Amino acid sequence: MSLYCGGMTSSPLLVLDTFSSAVLRRVPSAPPGGRPRSASLAVVPAPGGSGAGARLTADVVNIHPDLTALPGGPQLQSLMNGLDSWALALALVGLVIGAAAWALGSHGQNYQQSFVGRRAVLISGLAALLIGAGPGIVSFFFTTGSGVH
């Protein structure tokens, strides 16, 4: 494997070669007929390299979520299920209280109370929507992020 640092200059880059016999070698800063490379730090395979450096690839780090892989995983799942239940119950309580305030404010010609009740109903409904969609949203972004290479 070789480690090189390039810049926007026309001078050649110095490469630190970690897995072959040469310690430093020069490479052009731009491919023939191409644009100069931007400033970067990159790991590239050394030509003719062998051993551990030749087997190193960009897909070295992988993640496979498994709730049972660590101690306490089932308890964490149980805790998340319980918190979901409590959050949904509180959203339902907020929805009922908001609907009652909305109805009483409308009946009593109290615009402020009617507005507060309507806002509580909407916020409680959105909270329940996010609680229910939460695992799907997290899974969507995890899957989308896993597709980035």
N, C-alpha and C. Protein backbone atom coordinates (compact mmCIF):
# COMPACT_ATOMS: atom_id res chain seq x y z
N MET A 1 0.85 -1.17 0.00
CA MET A 1 0.00 0.00 0.00
C MET A 1 0.89 1.23 0.00
N SER A 2 0.41 2.26 -0.68
CA SER A 2 1.15 3.51 -0.75
C SER A 2 0.28 4.61 -0.20
N LEU A 3 0.88 5.53 0.48
CA LEU A 3 0.18 6.67 1.02
C LEU A 3 0.72 7.90 0.32
N TYR A 4 -0.14 8.69 -0.31
CA TYR A 4 0.36 9.89 -0.98
C TYR A 4 -0.50 11.08 -0.64
N CYS A 5 0.08 12.22 -0.70
CA CYS A 5 -0.62 13.47 -0.47
C CYS A 5 -0.39 14.34 -1.69
N GLY A 6 -1.47 14.78 -2.32
CA GLY A 6 -1.35 15.57 -3.55
C GLY A 6 -1.87 16.96 -3.36
N GLY A 7 -1.43 17.84 -4.24
CA GLY A 7 -1.90 19.21 -4.20
C GLY A 7 -2.23 19.69 -5.60
N MET A 8 -2.57 20.96 -5.72
CA MET A 8 -2.95 21.54 -7.00
C MET A 8 -1.72 22.04 -7.77
N THR A 9 -0.54 21.61 -7.40
CA THR A 9 0.66 22.07 -8.07
C THR A 9 0.99 21.15 -9.22
N SER A 10 1.94 21.58 -10.04
CA SER A 10 2.35 20.75 -11.16
C SER A 10 3.55 19.87 -10.80
N SER A 11 4.04 19.98 -9.57
CA SER A 11 5.18 19.16 -9.17
C SER A 11 4.72 17.75 -8.85
N PRO A 12 5.61 16.77 -9.01
CA PRO A 12 5.24 15.39 -8.70
C PRO A 12 4.96 15.20 -7.22
N LEU A 13 4.21 14.19 -6.92
CA LEU A 13 3.87 13.86 -5.54
C LEU A 13 4.88 12.88 -4.97
N LEU A 14 5.14 13.00 -3.69
CA LEU A 14 5.96 12.00 -3.02
C LEU A 14 5.04 10.97 -2.40
N VAL A 15 5.40 9.72 -2.55
CA VAL A 15 4.56 8.63 -2.07
C VAL A 15 5.34 7.83 -1.04
N LEU A 16 4.72 7.62 0.11
CA LEU A 16 5.31 6.76 1.13
C LEU A 16 4.79 5.36 0.89
N ASP A 17 5.67 4.45 0.53
CA ASP A 17 5.29 3.09 0.19
C ASP A 17 5.52 2.23 1.42
N THR A 18 4.44 1.70 1.99
CA THR A 18 4.56 1.01 3.27
C THR A 18 4.71 -0.49 3.16
N PHE A 19 4.33 -1.11 2.02
CA PHE A 19 4.37 -2.56 1.94
C PHE A 19 5.28 -3.08 0.84
N SER A 20 6.12 -2.24 0.27
CA SER A 20 7.07 -2.73 -0.72
C SER A 20 8.46 -2.29 -0.33
N SER A 21 9.46 -2.64 -1.12
CA SER A 21 10.84 -2.38 -0.75
C SER A 21 11.20 -0.91 -0.84
N ALA A 22 10.62 -0.15 -1.75
CA ALA A 22 10.94 1.27 -1.89
C ALA A 22 10.24 2.06 -0.80
N VAL A 23 10.95 3.03 -0.22
CA VAL A 23 10.34 3.84 0.82
C VAL A 23 9.64 5.04 0.21
N LEU A 24 10.28 5.76 -0.69
CA LEU A 24 9.66 6.91 -1.34
C LEU A 24 9.79 6.76 -2.85
N ARG A 25 8.77 7.13 -3.58
CA ARG A 25 8.84 7.17 -5.03
C ARG A 25 8.03 8.34 -5.52
N ARG A 26 8.32 8.82 -6.71
CA ARG A 26 7.65 9.98 -7.27
C ARG A 26 6.57 9.54 -8.26
N VAL A 27 5.40 10.20 -8.19
CA VAL A 27 4.35 9.97 -9.16
C VAL A 27 3.90 11.33 -9.67
N PRO A 28 3.44 11.42 -10.92
CA PRO A 28 2.99 12.72 -11.43
C PRO A 28 1.75 13.20 -10.68
N SER A 29 1.61 14.53 -10.58
CA SER A 29 0.46 15.08 -9.86
C SER A 29 -0.79 15.09 -10.72
N ALA A 30 -0.66 14.88 -12.02
CA ALA A 30 -1.82 14.84 -12.90
C ALA A 30 -1.62 13.73 -13.92
N PRO A 31 -2.69 13.01 -14.27
CA PRO A 31 -2.55 12.00 -15.31
C PRO A 31 -2.24 12.67 -16.64
N PRO A 32 -1.61 11.95 -17.58
CA PRO A 32 -1.28 12.57 -18.86
C PRO A 32 -2.53 13.14 -19.53
N GLY A 33 -2.50 14.44 -19.86
CA GLY A 33 -3.62 15.09 -20.51
C GLY A 33 -4.77 15.39 -19.58
N GLY A 34 -4.62 15.19 -18.27
CA GLY A 34 -5.72 15.39 -17.34
C GLY A 34 -5.53 16.61 -16.47
N ARG A 35 -6.52 16.85 -15.61
CA ARG A 35 -6.46 17.97 -14.68
C ARG A 35 -5.61 17.61 -13.48
N PRO A 36 -4.97 18.61 -12.85
CA PRO A 36 -4.20 18.31 -11.63
C PRO A 36 -5.11 17.77 -10.55
N ARG A 37 -4.59 16.91 -9.71
CA ARG A 37 -5.35 16.36 -8.59
C ARG A 37 -5.55 17.42 -7.53
N SER A 38 -6.67 17.36 -6.82
CA SER A 38 -6.90 18.29 -5.72
C SER A 38 -6.15 17.80 -4.49
N ALA A 39 -6.01 18.68 -3.52
CA ALA A 39 -5.31 18.32 -2.30
C ALA A 39 -6.07 17.21 -1.59
N SER A 40 -5.39 16.09 -1.37
CA SER A 40 -6.07 14.97 -0.75
C SER A 40 -5.06 14.05 -0.11
N LEU A 41 -5.56 13.17 0.71
CA LEU A 41 -4.77 12.12 1.31
C LEU A 41 -5.46 10.83 0.95
N ALA A 42 -4.73 9.92 0.29
CA ALA A 42 -5.37 8.71 -0.20
C ALA A 42 -4.47 7.52 0.00
N VAL A 43 -5.05 6.34 0.10
CA VAL A 43 -4.32 5.09 0.17
C VAL A 43 -4.54 4.37 -1.14
N VAL A 44 -3.45 4.06 -1.84
CA VAL A 44 -3.53 3.37 -3.13
C VAL A 44 -2.65 2.14 -3.09
N PRO A 45 -2.98 1.07 -3.83
CA PRO A 45 -2.12 -0.12 -3.83
C PRO A 45 -0.81 0.15 -4.54
N ALA A 46 0.26 -0.36 -3.97
CA ALA A 46 1.57 -0.23 -4.60
C ALA A 46 1.66 -1.20 -5.77
N PRO A 47 2.31 -0.78 -6.87
CA PRO A 47 2.43 -1.70 -8.00
C PRO A 47 3.27 -2.91 -7.61
N GLY A 48 2.75 -4.06 -7.91
CA GLY A 48 3.47 -5.30 -7.59
C GLY A 48 3.50 -5.62 -6.12
N GLY A 49 2.69 -4.93 -5.34
CA GLY A 49 2.68 -5.17 -3.90
C GLY A 49 2.10 -6.53 -3.57
N SER A 50 2.49 -7.05 -2.45
CA SER A 50 1.96 -8.34 -2.03
C SER A 50 1.75 -8.30 -0.53
N GLY A 51 1.21 -9.35 0.00
CA GLY A 51 1.01 -9.44 1.44
C GLY A 51 -0.27 -8.74 1.85
N ALA A 52 -0.28 -8.20 3.09
CA ALA A 52 -1.50 -7.61 3.66
C ALA A 52 -1.96 -6.40 2.88
N GLY A 53 -1.04 -5.63 2.34
CA GLY A 53 -1.40 -4.43 1.61
C GLY A 53 -2.16 -4.73 0.34
N ALA A 54 -1.87 -5.84 -0.32
CA ALA A 54 -2.54 -6.17 -1.57
C ALA A 54 -3.99 -6.59 -1.33
N ARG A 55 -4.32 -7.07 -0.12
CA ARG A 55 -5.67 -7.55 0.15
C ARG A 55 -6.58 -6.45 0.72
N LEU A 56 -6.02 -5.30 1.07
CA LEU A 56 -6.81 -4.22 1.66
C LEU A 56 -7.68 -3.57 0.60
N THR A 57 -8.97 -3.43 0.87
CA THR A 57 -9.89 -2.82 -0.09
C THR A 57 -10.64 -1.68 0.59
N ALA A 58 -11.42 -0.95 -0.20
CA ALA A 58 -12.18 0.17 0.34
C ALA A 58 -13.37 -0.31 1.18
N ASP A 59 -13.84 -1.53 0.99
CA ASP A 59 -15.00 -2.04 1.72
C ASP A 59 -14.59 -2.83 2.95
N VAL A 60 -13.61 -2.33 3.69
CA VAL A 60 -13.11 -3.04 4.86
C VAL A 60 -14.11 -2.95 6.01
N VAL A 61 -14.76 -1.81 6.17
CA VAL A 61 -15.66 -1.60 7.30
C VAL A 61 -17.09 -1.92 6.85
N ASN A 62 -17.71 -2.86 7.51
CA ASN A 62 -19.10 -3.23 7.24
C ASN A 62 -19.86 -3.20 8.55
N ILE A 63 -21.17 -2.99 8.47
CA ILE A 63 -22.00 -2.99 9.67
C ILE A 63 -23.24 -3.83 9.41
N HIS A 64 -23.53 -4.68 10.34
CA HIS A 64 -24.71 -5.54 10.27
C HIS A 64 -25.39 -5.47 11.63
N PRO A 65 -26.37 -4.57 11.81
CA PRO A 65 -27.01 -4.41 13.12
C PRO A 65 -27.67 -5.71 13.59
N ASP A 66 -27.35 -6.07 14.82
CA ASP A 66 -27.93 -7.26 15.43
C ASP A 66 -28.13 -6.95 16.90
N LEU A 67 -29.38 -6.85 17.32
CA LEU A 67 -29.69 -6.47 18.69
C LEU A 67 -29.26 -7.53 19.71
N THR A 68 -29.08 -8.76 19.26
CA THR A 68 -28.68 -9.83 20.18
C THR A 68 -27.18 -10.02 20.22
N ALA A 69 -26.40 -9.20 19.50
CA ALA A 69 -24.95 -9.39 19.45
C ALA A 69 -24.26 -8.97 20.75
N LEU A 70 -24.83 -8.07 21.51
CA LEU A 70 -24.24 -7.61 22.75
C LEU A 70 -25.13 -8.01 23.93
N PRO A 71 -24.54 -8.14 25.10
CA PRO A 71 -25.36 -8.43 26.28
C PRO A 71 -26.34 -7.29 26.55
N GLY A 72 -27.53 -7.61 26.90
CA GLY A 72 -28.55 -6.61 27.19
C GLY A 72 -29.38 -6.22 25.98
N GLY A 73 -29.14 -6.85 24.84
CA GLY A 73 -29.90 -6.54 23.64
C GLY A 73 -31.39 -6.77 23.78
N PRO A 74 -31.81 -7.94 24.29
CA PRO A 74 -33.25 -8.16 24.48
C PRO A 74 -33.88 -7.17 25.47
N GLN A 75 -33.12 -6.79 26.51
CA GLN A 75 -33.65 -5.81 27.47
C GLN A 75 -33.79 -4.44 26.81
N LEU A 76 -32.84 -4.09 25.92
CA LEU A 76 -32.93 -2.82 25.20
C LEU A 76 -34.15 -2.81 24.28
N GLN A 77 -34.39 -3.93 23.61
CA GLN A 77 -35.57 -4.04 22.75
C GLN A 77 -36.85 -3.90 23.57
N SER A 78 -36.88 -4.53 24.73
CA SER A 78 -38.03 -4.44 25.62
C SER A 78 -38.22 -3.01 26.11
N LEU A 79 -37.13 -2.31 26.42
CA LEU A 79 -37.20 -0.93 26.85
C LEU A 79 -37.74 -0.03 25.73
N MET A 80 -37.27 -0.24 24.50
CA MET A 80 -37.77 0.55 23.37
C MET A 80 -39.26 0.30 23.14
N ASN A 81 -39.69 -0.95 23.24
CA ASN A 81 -41.12 -1.26 23.08
C ASN A 81 -41.95 -0.58 24.17
N GLY A 82 -41.45 -0.60 25.40
CA GLY A 82 -42.15 0.05 26.50
C GLY A 82 -42.23 1.55 26.33
N LEU A 83 -41.13 2.18 25.90
CA LEU A 83 -41.14 3.62 25.67
C LEU A 83 -42.09 3.99 24.54
N ASP A 84 -42.13 3.16 23.49
CA ASP A 84 -43.09 3.39 22.41
C ASP A 84 -44.52 3.35 22.93
N SER A 85 -44.82 2.39 23.78
CA SER A 85 -46.17 2.27 24.33
C SER A 85 -46.53 3.49 25.17
N TRP A 86 -45.60 3.92 26.04
CA TRP A 86 -45.85 5.09 26.87
C TRP A 86 -46.01 6.35 26.02
N ALA A 87 -45.18 6.51 24.99
CA ALA A 87 -45.27 7.68 24.14
C ALA A 87 -46.60 7.72 23.40
N LEU A 88 -47.05 6.57 22.91
CA LEU A 88 -48.35 6.52 22.24
C LEU A 88 -49.49 6.81 23.21
N ALA A 89 -49.39 6.31 24.43
CA ALA A 89 -50.43 6.58 25.43
C ALA A 89 -50.48 8.08 25.75
N LEU A 90 -49.31 8.72 25.88
CA LEU A 90 -49.29 10.16 26.15
C LEU A 90 -49.82 10.96 24.96
N ALA A 91 -49.52 10.50 23.75
CA ALA A 91 -50.07 11.18 22.57
C ALA A 91 -51.59 11.07 22.55
N LEU A 92 -52.11 9.92 22.94
CA LEU A 92 -53.57 9.74 22.99
C LEU A 92 -54.19 10.64 24.05
N VAL A 93 -53.56 10.73 25.21
CA VAL A 93 -54.07 11.61 26.27
C VAL A 93 -54.07 13.07 25.78
N GLY A 94 -52.97 13.49 25.12
CA GLY A 94 -52.91 14.84 24.59
C GLY A 94 -53.97 15.09 23.54
N LEU A 95 -54.24 14.08 22.72
CA LEU A 95 -55.28 14.21 21.69
C LEU A 95 -56.66 14.38 22.33
N VAL A 96 -56.96 13.60 23.34
CA VAL A 96 -58.27 13.68 24.00
C VAL A 96 -58.42 15.03 24.72
N ILE A 97 -57.39 15.45 25.44
CA ILE A 97 -57.47 16.73 26.15
C ILE A 97 -57.57 17.88 25.16
N GLY A 98 -56.80 17.82 24.07
CA GLY A 98 -56.87 18.86 23.05
C GLY A 98 -58.23 18.93 22.38
N ALA A 99 -58.82 17.76 22.09
CA ALA A 99 -60.15 17.73 21.47
C ALA A 99 -61.19 18.31 22.42
N ALA A 100 -61.07 18.00 23.72
CA ALA A 100 -62.02 18.55 24.69
C ALA A 100 -61.87 20.06 24.80
N ALA A 101 -60.64 20.56 24.82
CA ALA A 101 -60.42 22.00 24.89
C ALA A 101 -60.92 22.69 23.64
N TRP A 102 -60.72 22.06 22.50
CA TRP A 102 -61.19 22.62 21.23
C TRP A 102 -62.72 22.72 21.23
N ALA A 103 -63.36 21.65 21.67
CA ALA A 103 -64.83 21.63 21.70
C ALA A 103 -65.38 22.65 22.69
N LEU A 104 -64.83 22.71 23.89
CA LEU A 104 -65.31 23.66 24.88
C LEU A 104 -65.05 25.11 24.45
N GLY A 105 -63.88 25.36 23.84
CA GLY A 105 -63.58 26.71 23.36
C GLY A 105 -64.49 27.13 22.23
N SER A 106 -64.80 26.20 21.33
CA SER A 106 -65.71 26.53 20.23
C SER A 106 -67.11 26.78 20.75
N HIS A 107 -67.55 25.96 21.70
CA HIS A 107 -68.91 26.10 22.24
C HIS A 107 -69.05 27.39 23.06
N GLY A 108 -67.99 27.77 23.78
CA GLY A 108 -68.05 28.97 24.63
C GLY A 108 -67.60 30.22 23.92
N GLN A 109 -67.38 30.19 22.61
CA GLN A 109 -66.93 31.35 21.83
C GLN A 109 -65.60 31.90 22.35
N ASN A 110 -64.75 30.99 22.85
CA ASN A 110 -63.43 31.37 23.35
C ASN A 110 -62.39 30.99 22.29
N TYR A 111 -61.96 31.98 21.51
CA TYR A 111 -61.04 31.71 20.41
C TYR A 111 -59.71 31.16 20.91
N GLN A 112 -59.19 31.72 21.99
CA GLN A 112 -57.89 31.28 22.53
C GLN A 112 -57.94 29.81 22.93
N GLN A 113 -58.93 29.40 23.67
CA GLN A 113 -59.05 28.01 24.11
C GLN A 113 -59.27 27.09 22.91
N SER A 114 -60.03 27.51 21.95
CA SER A 114 -60.26 26.72 20.75
C SER A 114 -58.96 26.52 19.98
N PHE A 115 -58.18 27.58 19.86
CA PHE A 115 -56.91 27.49 19.14
C PHE A 115 -55.92 26.57 19.85
N VAL A 116 -55.83 26.69 21.18
CA VAL A 116 -54.92 25.83 21.96
C VAL A 116 -55.34 24.36 21.83
N GLY A 117 -56.65 24.10 21.88
CA GLY A 117 -57.13 22.72 21.74
C GLY A 117 -56.83 22.17 20.35
N ARG A 118 -57.03 22.98 19.31
CA ARG A 118 -56.75 22.54 17.94
C ARG A 118 -55.25 22.25 17.77
N ARG A 119 -54.42 23.12 18.35
CA ARG A 119 -52.97 22.90 18.27
C ARG A 119 -52.57 21.62 19.00
N ALA A 120 -53.17 21.35 20.16
CA ALA A 120 -52.86 20.12 20.91
C ALA A 120 -53.26 18.88 20.12
N VAL A 121 -54.41 18.94 19.43
CA VAL A 121 -54.84 17.80 18.61
C VAL A 121 -53.85 17.55 17.48
N LEU A 122 -53.43 18.61 16.80
CA LEU A 122 -52.49 18.44 15.68
C LEU A 122 -51.12 17.95 16.15
N ILE A 123 -50.63 18.49 17.24
CA ILE A 123 -49.33 18.07 17.75
C ILE A 123 -49.38 16.63 18.24
N SER A 124 -50.45 16.24 18.91
CA SER A 124 -50.58 14.85 19.38
C SER A 124 -50.68 13.89 18.20
N GLY A 125 -51.42 14.27 17.17
CA GLY A 125 -51.51 13.43 15.98
C GLY A 125 -50.17 13.27 15.28
N LEU A 126 -49.43 14.38 15.15
CA LEU A 126 -48.09 14.30 14.53
C LEU A 126 -47.13 13.48 15.39
N ALA A 127 -47.25 13.60 16.72
CA ALA A 127 -46.40 12.80 17.60
C ALA A 127 -46.67 11.31 17.41
N ALA A 128 -47.94 10.94 17.34
CA ALA A 128 -48.28 9.53 17.11
C ALA A 128 -47.78 9.05 15.75
N LEU A 129 -47.89 9.93 14.73
CA LEU A 129 -47.38 9.58 13.41
C LEU A 129 -45.87 9.33 13.44
N LEU A 130 -45.13 10.20 14.09
CA LEU A 130 -43.67 10.04 14.16
C LEU A 130 -43.27 8.83 15.02
N ILE A 131 -44.02 8.57 16.07
CA ILE A 131 -43.72 7.40 16.91
C ILE A 131 -43.91 6.12 16.09
N GLY A 132 -44.98 6.06 15.33
CA GLY A 132 -45.23 4.87 14.52
C GLY A 132 -44.29 4.75 13.34
N ALA A 133 -43.91 5.89 12.74
CA ALA A 133 -43.04 5.86 11.57
C ALA A 133 -41.56 5.86 11.93
N GLY A 134 -41.23 6.08 13.19
CA GLY A 134 -39.83 6.18 13.62
C GLY A 134 -38.94 5.04 13.18
N PRO A 135 -39.30 3.77 13.47
CA PRO A 135 -38.44 2.67 13.04
C PRO A 135 -38.28 2.60 11.52
N GLY A 136 -39.34 2.90 10.79
CA GLY A 136 -39.26 2.89 9.33
C GLY A 136 -38.37 4.00 8.80
N ILE A 137 -38.45 5.18 9.42
CA ILE A 137 -37.60 6.31 9.00
C ILE A 137 -36.13 5.99 9.26
N VAL A 138 -35.83 5.46 10.44
CA VAL A 138 -34.44 5.11 10.76
C VAL A 138 -33.94 4.02 9.82
N SER A 139 -34.76 3.01 9.54
CA SER A 139 -34.36 1.94 8.63
C SER A 139 -34.15 2.47 7.21
N PHE A 140 -35.00 3.40 6.77
CA PHE A 140 -34.84 3.99 5.44
C PHE A 140 -33.50 4.70 5.31
N PHE A 141 -33.17 5.54 6.29
CA PHE A 141 -31.90 6.27 6.21
C PHE A 141 -30.70 5.35 6.38
N PHE A 142 -30.82 4.30 7.20
CA PHE A 142 -29.72 3.34 7.33
C PHE A 142 -29.49 2.62 6.01
N THR A 143 -30.58 2.17 5.36
CA THR A 143 -30.46 1.48 4.09
C THR A 143 -29.90 2.42 3.01
N THR A 144 -30.37 3.66 3.00
CA THR A 144 -29.86 4.63 2.04
C THR A 144 -28.38 4.91 2.29
N GLY A 145 -28.01 5.07 3.54
CA GLY A 145 -26.61 5.31 3.86
C GLY A 145 -25.72 4.12 3.56
N SER A 146 -26.25 2.91 3.71
CA SER A 146 -25.46 1.72 3.40
C SER A 146 -25.19 1.60 1.91
N GLY A 147 -26.03 2.21 1.10
CA GLY A 147 -25.83 2.14 -0.35
C GLY A 147 -24.77 3.10 -0.86
N VAL A 148 -24.28 4.02 -0.02
CA VAL A 148 -23.26 4.97 -0.45
C VAL A 148 -21.91 4.27 -0.44
N HIS A 149 -21.21 4.37 -1.55
CA HIS A 149 -19.88 3.75 -1.63
C HIS A 149 -18.85 4.78 -2.00
